[in-house]
Amino acid sequence: MIAISVQPSHQEQKVLSFASTLYLRPILNLLLAEVSPLWRHDLRLGLQEALVNAACHGNRLDPNKLVVVHFTVTRHQYVWTIIDEGAGCPDRKSKDCGCEDPEFEQECGRGIYILRQIFDEVEWLPPGNHLRLCKDIRRDAAPHLV
């Protein structure tokens, strides 16, 4: 099940939640619905990487655990905060994950590399299971293809 809500604010922030799954096509379509086609391909790749990590590494594909995404689309910026129900890794802010999950460490460098190439800001917020991704679309005239 996918749930979506709109919370009243000066910037329209939407919240989408879904049970841990790797079937992400409808979720990505919802998250990218308001994104310019110019940016959609690159951002889809980055969001897919982040959502797979939340479902697999954070929630261990437990269908009873949710992934929650807060997202805001403005004229000059796209912002997503992805939250899983895992314990989080306190060292995810650095380039080295510092996680004790060997499966995560093996692919950590690739995923973080992809996120840093696509988004202007990649930040894990305490307790380590909140990932904030920001794309400033004023800064670049065209997307950078990974």
N, C-alpha and C. Protein backbone atom coordinates (compact mmCIF):
# COMPACT_ATOMS: atom_id res chain seq x y z
N MET A 1 0.83 -1.18 0.00
CA MET A 1 0.00 0.00 0.00
C MET A 1 0.88 1.24 0.00
N ILE A 2 0.46 2.23 -0.78
CA ILE A 2 1.14 3.51 -0.83
C ILE A 2 0.18 4.56 -0.28
N ALA A 3 0.66 5.38 0.63
CA ALA A 3 -0.16 6.46 1.17
C ALA A 3 0.52 7.78 0.85
N ILE A 4 -0.26 8.79 0.49
CA ILE A 4 0.30 10.11 0.21
C ILE A 4 -0.58 11.15 0.88
N SER A 5 0.06 12.19 1.43
CA SER A 5 -0.69 13.26 2.06
C SER A 5 -0.02 14.58 1.76
N VAL A 6 -0.79 15.65 1.83
CA VAL A 6 -0.27 16.99 1.64
C VAL A 6 -0.49 17.73 2.94
N GLN A 7 0.60 18.28 3.48
CA GLN A 7 0.50 19.02 4.73
C GLN A 7 0.51 20.51 4.41
N PRO A 8 -0.43 21.29 4.97
CA PRO A 8 -0.47 22.72 4.67
C PRO A 8 0.77 23.43 5.21
N SER A 9 1.38 24.24 4.39
CA SER A 9 2.52 25.06 4.79
C SER A 9 2.75 26.09 3.70
N HIS A 10 3.73 26.98 3.91
CA HIS A 10 4.01 27.98 2.89
C HIS A 10 4.62 27.31 1.65
N GLN A 11 5.34 26.25 1.84
CA GLN A 11 5.79 25.41 0.74
C GLN A 11 5.01 24.11 0.86
N GLU A 12 4.43 23.67 -0.21
CA GLU A 12 3.62 22.47 -0.15
C GLU A 12 4.52 21.24 0.01
N GLN A 13 4.54 20.68 1.20
CA GLN A 13 5.31 19.47 1.45
C GLN A 13 4.37 18.28 1.39
N LYS A 14 4.78 17.28 0.65
CA LYS A 14 3.99 16.07 0.54
C LYS A 14 4.70 14.96 1.28
N VAL A 15 3.93 14.00 1.75
CA VAL A 15 4.49 12.86 2.47
C VAL A 15 3.94 11.60 1.82
N LEU A 16 4.83 10.71 1.48
CA LEU A 16 4.46 9.44 0.87
C LEU A 16 5.05 8.34 1.74
N SER A 17 4.27 7.32 2.02
CA SER A 17 4.80 6.18 2.78
C SER A 17 4.39 4.89 2.09
N PHE A 18 5.26 3.90 2.23
CA PHE A 18 4.99 2.61 1.60
C PHE A 18 5.70 1.51 2.37
N ALA A 19 5.14 0.31 2.30
CA ALA A 19 5.75 -0.85 2.93
C ALA A 19 7.04 -1.18 2.19
N SER A 20 8.03 -1.67 2.90
CA SER A 20 9.33 -2.00 2.30
C SER A 20 9.16 -2.96 1.13
N THR A 21 9.59 -2.50 -0.03
CA THR A 21 9.48 -3.29 -1.25
C THR A 21 10.54 -2.82 -2.23
N LEU A 22 10.84 -3.64 -3.20
CA LEU A 22 11.73 -3.22 -4.28
C LEU A 22 10.93 -2.88 -5.53
N TYR A 23 9.61 -3.01 -5.47
CA TYR A 23 8.77 -2.60 -6.59
C TYR A 23 8.53 -1.10 -6.46
N LEU A 24 9.43 -0.33 -7.05
CA LEU A 24 9.47 1.12 -6.82
C LEU A 24 8.91 1.97 -7.96
N ARG A 25 8.54 1.36 -9.07
CA ARG A 25 8.09 2.15 -10.22
C ARG A 25 6.95 3.12 -9.88
N PRO A 26 5.86 2.66 -9.24
CA PRO A 26 4.78 3.62 -8.95
C PRO A 26 5.20 4.68 -7.93
N ILE A 27 6.05 4.31 -7.01
CA ILE A 27 6.53 5.26 -5.99
C ILE A 27 7.39 6.33 -6.65
N LEU A 28 8.32 5.91 -7.49
CA LEU A 28 9.18 6.87 -8.20
C LEU A 28 8.34 7.78 -9.10
N ASN A 29 7.33 7.22 -9.75
CA ASN A 29 6.46 8.04 -10.60
C ASN A 29 5.77 9.13 -9.79
N LEU A 30 5.30 8.80 -8.59
CA LEU A 30 4.66 9.80 -7.72
C LEU A 30 5.67 10.85 -7.25
N LEU A 31 6.85 10.41 -6.86
CA LEU A 31 7.86 11.34 -6.35
C LEU A 31 8.40 12.28 -7.42
N LEU A 32 8.32 11.86 -8.67
CA LEU A 32 8.87 12.65 -9.76
C LEU A 32 7.80 13.33 -10.61
N ALA A 33 6.55 13.22 -10.23
CA ALA A 33 5.46 13.75 -11.04
C ALA A 33 5.58 15.24 -11.33
N GLU A 34 6.08 16.00 -10.38
CA GLU A 34 6.18 17.46 -10.55
C GLU A 34 7.56 17.92 -10.97
N VAL A 35 8.46 16.98 -11.22
CA VAL A 35 9.83 17.32 -11.61
C VAL A 35 9.89 17.54 -13.11
N SER A 36 10.63 18.53 -13.50
CA SER A 36 10.81 18.84 -14.91
C SER A 36 11.37 17.63 -15.65
N PRO A 37 10.88 17.35 -16.86
CA PRO A 37 11.42 16.23 -17.64
C PRO A 37 12.93 16.36 -17.88
N LEU A 38 13.45 17.57 -17.85
CA LEU A 38 14.87 17.81 -18.01
C LEU A 38 15.70 17.11 -16.93
N TRP A 39 15.13 17.00 -15.72
CA TRP A 39 15.85 16.44 -14.57
C TRP A 39 15.39 15.05 -14.20
N ARG A 40 14.27 14.62 -14.73
CA ARG A 40 13.61 13.41 -14.25
C ARG A 40 14.48 12.16 -14.33
N HIS A 41 15.20 11.95 -15.40
CA HIS A 41 16.00 10.72 -15.56
C HIS A 41 17.07 10.59 -14.48
N ASP A 42 17.86 11.65 -14.30
CA ASP A 42 18.92 11.60 -13.29
C ASP A 42 18.36 11.45 -11.88
N LEU A 43 17.34 12.23 -11.57
CA LEU A 43 16.78 12.17 -10.22
C LEU A 43 16.11 10.83 -9.95
N ARG A 44 15.55 10.22 -10.97
CA ARG A 44 14.96 8.87 -10.81
C ARG A 44 16.04 7.88 -10.37
N LEU A 45 17.20 7.92 -11.01
CA LEU A 45 18.30 7.03 -10.65
C LEU A 45 18.72 7.24 -9.20
N GLY A 46 18.89 8.50 -8.80
CA GLY A 46 19.30 8.79 -7.43
C GLY A 46 18.26 8.40 -6.40
N LEU A 47 17.00 8.71 -6.67
CA LEU A 47 15.94 8.34 -5.72
C LEU A 47 15.78 6.83 -5.63
N GLN A 48 15.91 6.15 -6.75
CA GLN A 48 15.82 4.69 -6.72
C GLN A 48 16.92 4.11 -5.83
N GLU A 49 18.12 4.60 -5.96
CA GLU A 49 19.24 4.13 -5.13
C GLU A 49 18.93 4.36 -3.64
N ALA A 50 18.43 5.56 -3.31
CA ALA A 50 18.14 5.88 -1.92
C ALA A 50 16.99 5.04 -1.37
N LEU A 51 15.95 4.81 -2.17
CA LEU A 51 14.80 4.02 -1.71
C LEU A 51 15.16 2.55 -1.55
N VAL A 52 15.96 2.02 -2.45
CA VAL A 52 16.42 0.62 -2.31
C VAL A 52 17.22 0.48 -1.02
N ASN A 53 18.10 1.43 -0.75
CA ASN A 53 18.88 1.37 0.48
C ASN A 53 17.99 1.42 1.72
N ALA A 54 16.97 2.28 1.70
CA ALA A 54 16.07 2.37 2.85
C ALA A 54 15.30 1.07 3.06
N ALA A 55 14.77 0.51 1.98
CA ALA A 55 13.98 -0.72 2.09
C ALA A 55 14.85 -1.92 2.43
N CYS A 56 16.00 -2.04 1.78
CA CYS A 56 16.87 -3.22 1.98
C CYS A 56 17.70 -3.12 3.25
N HIS A 57 18.49 -2.08 3.35
CA HIS A 57 19.46 -1.98 4.44
C HIS A 57 18.83 -1.45 5.73
N GLY A 58 17.92 -0.49 5.59
CA GLY A 58 17.27 0.05 6.78
C GLY A 58 16.20 -0.88 7.32
N ASN A 59 15.27 -1.26 6.46
CA ASN A 59 14.13 -2.07 6.90
C ASN A 59 14.29 -3.56 6.63
N ARG A 60 15.37 -3.95 6.01
CA ARG A 60 15.65 -5.36 5.72
C ARG A 60 14.49 -6.05 4.98
N LEU A 61 13.84 -5.28 4.11
CA LEU A 61 12.70 -5.75 3.30
C LEU A 61 11.56 -6.34 4.13
N ASP A 62 11.46 -5.88 5.37
CA ASP A 62 10.36 -6.30 6.24
C ASP A 62 9.09 -5.56 5.79
N PRO A 63 8.09 -6.27 5.25
CA PRO A 63 6.89 -5.59 4.74
C PRO A 63 6.06 -4.92 5.84
N ASN A 64 6.38 -5.19 7.09
CA ASN A 64 5.69 -4.54 8.20
C ASN A 64 6.32 -3.19 8.56
N LYS A 65 7.47 -2.89 7.95
CA LYS A 65 8.15 -1.61 8.20
C LYS A 65 7.93 -0.69 7.01
N LEU A 66 7.81 0.60 7.33
CA LEU A 66 7.53 1.59 6.30
C LEU A 66 8.77 2.39 5.92
N VAL A 67 8.78 2.85 4.69
CA VAL A 67 9.68 3.89 4.23
C VAL A 67 8.79 5.12 4.04
N VAL A 68 9.21 6.23 4.61
CA VAL A 68 8.45 7.48 4.53
C VAL A 68 9.30 8.50 3.78
N VAL A 69 8.68 9.19 2.84
CA VAL A 69 9.40 10.20 2.07
C VAL A 69 8.64 11.52 2.18
N HIS A 70 9.33 12.54 2.70
CA HIS A 70 8.82 13.91 2.71
C HIS A 70 9.43 14.58 1.48
N PHE A 71 8.62 15.23 0.67
CA PHE A 71 9.20 15.89 -0.49
C PHE A 71 8.53 17.22 -0.79
N THR A 72 9.36 18.13 -1.26
CA THR A 72 8.93 19.47 -1.59
C THR A 72 9.50 19.82 -2.96
N VAL A 73 8.66 20.33 -3.81
CA VAL A 73 9.09 20.78 -5.13
C VAL A 73 8.78 22.27 -5.21
N THR A 74 9.81 23.07 -5.39
CA THR A 74 9.62 24.51 -5.59
C THR A 74 10.16 24.87 -6.96
N ARG A 75 10.07 26.12 -7.30
CA ARG A 75 10.54 26.57 -8.61
C ARG A 75 12.03 26.36 -8.79
N HIS A 76 12.79 26.43 -7.70
CA HIS A 76 14.25 26.38 -7.81
C HIS A 76 14.90 25.19 -7.12
N GLN A 77 14.10 24.35 -6.48
CA GLN A 77 14.73 23.29 -5.69
C GLN A 77 13.78 22.11 -5.52
N TYR A 78 14.38 20.93 -5.50
CA TYR A 78 13.67 19.70 -5.17
C TYR A 78 14.32 19.15 -3.91
N VAL A 79 13.51 18.77 -2.92
CA VAL A 79 14.05 18.24 -1.67
C VAL A 79 13.25 17.00 -1.27
N TRP A 80 13.97 15.92 -0.96
CA TRP A 80 13.37 14.69 -0.47
C TRP A 80 14.07 14.31 0.83
N THR A 81 13.31 13.89 1.82
CA THR A 81 13.86 13.29 3.03
C THR A 81 13.27 11.90 3.13
N ILE A 82 14.15 10.90 3.10
CA ILE A 82 13.75 9.50 3.10
C ILE A 82 14.06 8.92 4.47
N ILE A 83 13.04 8.33 5.10
CA ILE A 83 13.17 7.82 6.47
C ILE A 83 12.80 6.35 6.47
N ASP A 84 13.68 5.53 7.03
CA ASP A 84 13.36 4.11 7.19
C ASP A 84 13.23 3.82 8.68
N GLU A 85 12.85 2.59 9.01
CA GLU A 85 12.66 2.22 10.41
C GLU A 85 13.85 1.46 10.98
N GLY A 86 14.98 1.51 10.28
CA GLY A 86 16.18 0.84 10.77
C GLY A 86 16.84 1.64 11.88
N ALA A 87 17.88 1.04 12.45
CA ALA A 87 18.60 1.67 13.55
C ALA A 87 19.40 2.88 13.09
N GLY A 88 19.74 2.92 11.80
CA GLY A 88 20.53 4.04 11.28
C GLY A 88 22.00 3.84 11.54
N CYS A 89 22.78 4.49 10.75
CA CYS A 89 24.24 4.46 10.91
C CYS A 89 24.70 5.86 11.24
N PRO A 90 25.25 6.07 12.42
CA PRO A 90 25.61 7.42 12.83
C PRO A 90 26.71 8.04 11.98
N ASP A 91 27.52 7.24 11.28
CA ASP A 91 28.63 7.79 10.51
C ASP A 91 28.30 7.96 9.03
N ARG A 92 27.07 7.92 8.63
CA ARG A 92 26.73 8.01 7.22
C ARG A 92 27.01 9.38 6.62
N LYS A 93 27.26 10.39 7.42
CA LYS A 93 27.57 11.71 6.88
C LYS A 93 28.91 11.69 6.16
N SER A 94 29.81 10.86 6.60
CA SER A 94 31.13 10.82 5.99
C SER A 94 31.11 9.95 4.75
N LYS A 95 32.22 9.96 4.00
CA LYS A 95 32.31 9.13 2.81
C LYS A 95 32.40 7.66 3.20
N ASP A 96 32.96 7.37 4.37
CA ASP A 96 33.01 5.99 4.85
C ASP A 96 31.77 5.75 5.68
N CYS A 97 31.05 4.70 5.34
CA CYS A 97 29.77 4.45 6.01
C CYS A 97 29.93 4.18 7.49
N GLY A 98 30.90 3.38 7.84
CA GLY A 98 31.07 3.02 9.23
C GLY A 98 30.01 2.07 9.73
N CYS A 99 29.25 1.47 8.83
CA CYS A 99 28.18 0.55 9.25
C CYS A 99 28.74 -0.83 9.52
N GLU A 100 28.08 -1.52 10.41
CA GLU A 100 28.50 -2.87 10.72
C GLU A 100 27.88 -3.90 9.79
N ASP A 101 27.00 -3.46 8.91
CA ASP A 101 26.34 -4.36 7.97
C ASP A 101 27.27 -4.60 6.78
N PRO A 102 27.88 -5.79 6.68
CA PRO A 102 28.84 -6.05 5.60
C PRO A 102 28.23 -5.90 4.22
N GLU A 103 26.96 -6.26 4.07
CA GLU A 103 26.31 -6.12 2.77
C GLU A 103 26.23 -4.65 2.37
N PHE A 104 25.93 -3.79 3.33
CA PHE A 104 25.85 -2.36 3.05
C PHE A 104 27.22 -1.80 2.71
N GLU A 105 28.24 -2.18 3.46
CA GLU A 105 29.58 -1.66 3.22
C GLU A 105 30.09 -2.01 1.84
N GLN A 106 29.76 -3.19 1.31
CA GLN A 106 30.23 -3.59 -0.01
C GLN A 106 29.72 -2.65 -1.09
N GLU A 107 28.50 -2.18 -0.97
CA GLU A 107 27.92 -1.35 -2.01
C GLU A 107 27.84 0.12 -1.59
N CYS A 108 28.32 0.43 -0.42
CA CYS A 108 28.20 1.78 0.12
C CYS A 108 28.85 2.82 -0.78
N GLY A 109 30.04 2.56 -1.22
CA GLY A 109 30.76 3.53 -2.02
C GLY A 109 30.05 3.84 -3.32
N ARG A 110 29.52 2.84 -3.97
CA ARG A 110 28.81 3.05 -5.24
C ARG A 110 27.56 3.88 -5.04
N GLY A 111 26.76 3.53 -4.04
CA GLY A 111 25.52 4.26 -3.79
C GLY A 111 25.76 5.70 -3.40
N ILE A 112 26.69 5.94 -2.51
CA ILE A 112 26.99 7.31 -2.10
C ILE A 112 27.57 8.10 -3.27
N TYR A 113 28.39 7.46 -4.08
CA TYR A 113 28.94 8.12 -5.27
C TYR A 113 27.80 8.56 -6.20
N ILE A 114 26.85 7.68 -6.45
CA ILE A 114 25.72 8.02 -7.32
C ILE A 114 24.94 9.19 -6.72
N LEU A 115 24.64 9.12 -5.43
CA LEU A 115 23.87 10.20 -4.79
C LEU A 115 24.60 11.53 -4.87
N ARG A 116 25.91 11.53 -4.63
CA ARG A 116 26.68 12.77 -4.64
C ARG A 116 26.85 13.34 -6.05
N GLN A 117 26.79 12.50 -7.06
CA GLN A 117 26.87 12.97 -8.44
C GLN A 117 25.56 13.62 -8.89
N ILE A 118 24.45 13.14 -8.38
CA ILE A 118 23.14 13.60 -8.84
C ILE A 118 22.61 14.77 -8.02
N PHE A 119 22.76 14.70 -6.70
CA PHE A 119 22.18 15.71 -5.83
C PHE A 119 23.23 16.71 -5.38
N ASP A 120 22.78 17.94 -5.12
CA ASP A 120 23.68 18.98 -4.63
C ASP A 120 23.96 18.84 -3.14
N GLU A 121 23.01 18.28 -2.42
CA GLU A 121 23.19 18.04 -0.99
C GLU A 121 22.76 16.62 -0.68
N VAL A 122 23.63 15.89 0.03
CA VAL A 122 23.34 14.54 0.50
C VAL A 122 23.72 14.53 1.97
N GLU A 123 22.71 14.39 2.83
CA GLU A 123 22.99 14.51 4.26
C GLU A 123 22.15 13.52 5.06
N TRP A 124 22.82 12.75 5.94
CA TRP A 124 22.10 11.87 6.86
C TRP A 124 21.87 12.65 8.13
N LEU A 125 20.61 12.67 8.56
CA LEU A 125 20.23 13.38 9.77
C LEU A 125 20.09 12.39 10.91
N PRO A 126 20.33 12.84 12.14
CA PRO A 126 20.20 11.95 13.29
C PRO A 126 18.82 11.33 13.34
N PRO A 127 18.71 10.09 13.71
CA PRO A 127 19.72 9.18 14.24
C PRO A 127 20.47 8.38 13.17
N GLY A 128 20.42 8.81 11.94
CA GLY A 128 21.14 8.12 10.88
C GLY A 128 20.24 7.38 9.91
N ASN A 129 18.95 7.40 10.16
CA ASN A 129 18.03 6.73 9.23
C ASN A 129 17.16 7.73 8.47
N HIS A 130 17.57 9.00 8.48
CA HIS A 130 16.92 10.07 7.72
C HIS A 130 17.92 10.58 6.69
N LEU A 131 17.61 10.40 5.42
CA LEU A 131 18.49 10.86 4.35
C LEU A 131 17.83 12.03 3.65
N ARG A 132 18.51 13.18 3.65
CA ARG A 132 18.00 14.39 2.98
C ARG A 132 18.75 14.57 1.67
N LEU A 133 18.00 14.65 0.58
CA LEU A 133 18.56 14.85 -0.76
C LEU A 133 18.00 16.14 -1.33
N CYS A 134 18.87 16.98 -1.86
CA CYS A 134 18.43 18.25 -2.39
C CYS A 134 19.06 18.48 -3.76
N LYS A 135 18.25 18.94 -4.70
CA LYS A 135 18.73 19.31 -6.02
C LYS A 135 18.34 20.76 -6.27
N ASP A 136 19.35 21.61 -6.38
CA ASP A 136 19.14 23.02 -6.65
C ASP A 136 19.14 23.19 -8.16
N ILE A 137 18.01 23.50 -8.75
CA ILE A 137 17.93 23.57 -10.20
C ILE A 137 18.23 24.95 -10.75
N ARG A 138 18.51 25.92 -9.90
CA ARG A 138 18.94 27.25 -10.36
C ARG A 138 20.39 27.22 -10.80
N ARG A 139 21.18 26.38 -10.14
CA ARG A 139 22.63 26.40 -10.31
C ARG A 139 23.07 25.88 -11.67
N ASP A 140 22.40 24.88 -12.18
CA ASP A 140 22.82 24.25 -13.43
C ASP A 140 21.81 24.52 -14.53
N ALA A 141 22.32 24.71 -15.71
CA ALA A 141 21.43 24.90 -16.86
C ALA A 141 20.92 23.57 -17.39
N ALA A 142 21.70 22.52 -17.21
CA ALA A 142 21.30 21.21 -17.70
C ALA A 142 21.78 20.16 -16.73
N PRO A 143 21.12 19.02 -16.69
CA PRO A 143 21.52 17.95 -15.76
C PRO A 143 22.86 17.35 -16.14
N HIS A 144 23.53 16.81 -15.13
CA HIS A 144 24.76 16.06 -15.33
C HIS A 144 24.41 14.60 -15.39
N LEU A 145 24.74 13.95 -16.45
CA LEU A 145 24.45 12.53 -16.55
C LEU A 145 25.53 11.74 -15.87
N VAL A 146 25.13 10.76 -15.09
CA VAL A 146 26.07 9.92 -14.37
C VAL A 146 26.67 8.91 -15.31
